[in-house]
Amino acid sequence: MNHGVNGKNLLRMLFGNRTRFLAACAVIAVTGAGCLTKPMGADRVSTRLFYDQVAADALNSGRPSAATVSLLHQYDRLKKIATPPAP
C-alpha cells in the first residue's frame, strides 16, 4: 500500500480533523482582516505649530490639553464637561 503524501493526506496531517481546519481558516481570516485597516499616520507641520499643540492647555488656549481630554475620555467624563455649569 502506498502511503505517499497527497493533498488529502497533507490536510489531514496538518489539521487533523475538520474542526481544526475551520478554526485555522477563521484565524487566518481574522488576522487578514486586521491588515486591511488604514495604517496610522502623521502629517508634517511646522515646528512652531507642533510646540503650540504640545504645550496647549486651558490657560493659554481656552481648551483642555490633549492629555486632559484623553484622561476625561478614559473616565467617560467628556459629556459632563461639555455642558456649561449651572449658575
Foldseek 3Di string as FASTA:
>chain_A
DDPDDDDVNVCCVVQVDPVSVVVVVVVVVVVVVVVPDDDDDDDDDDPVVVVCLQPDDCVPPVDHHPVVVVVCVVVVNPVVVVDDDDD
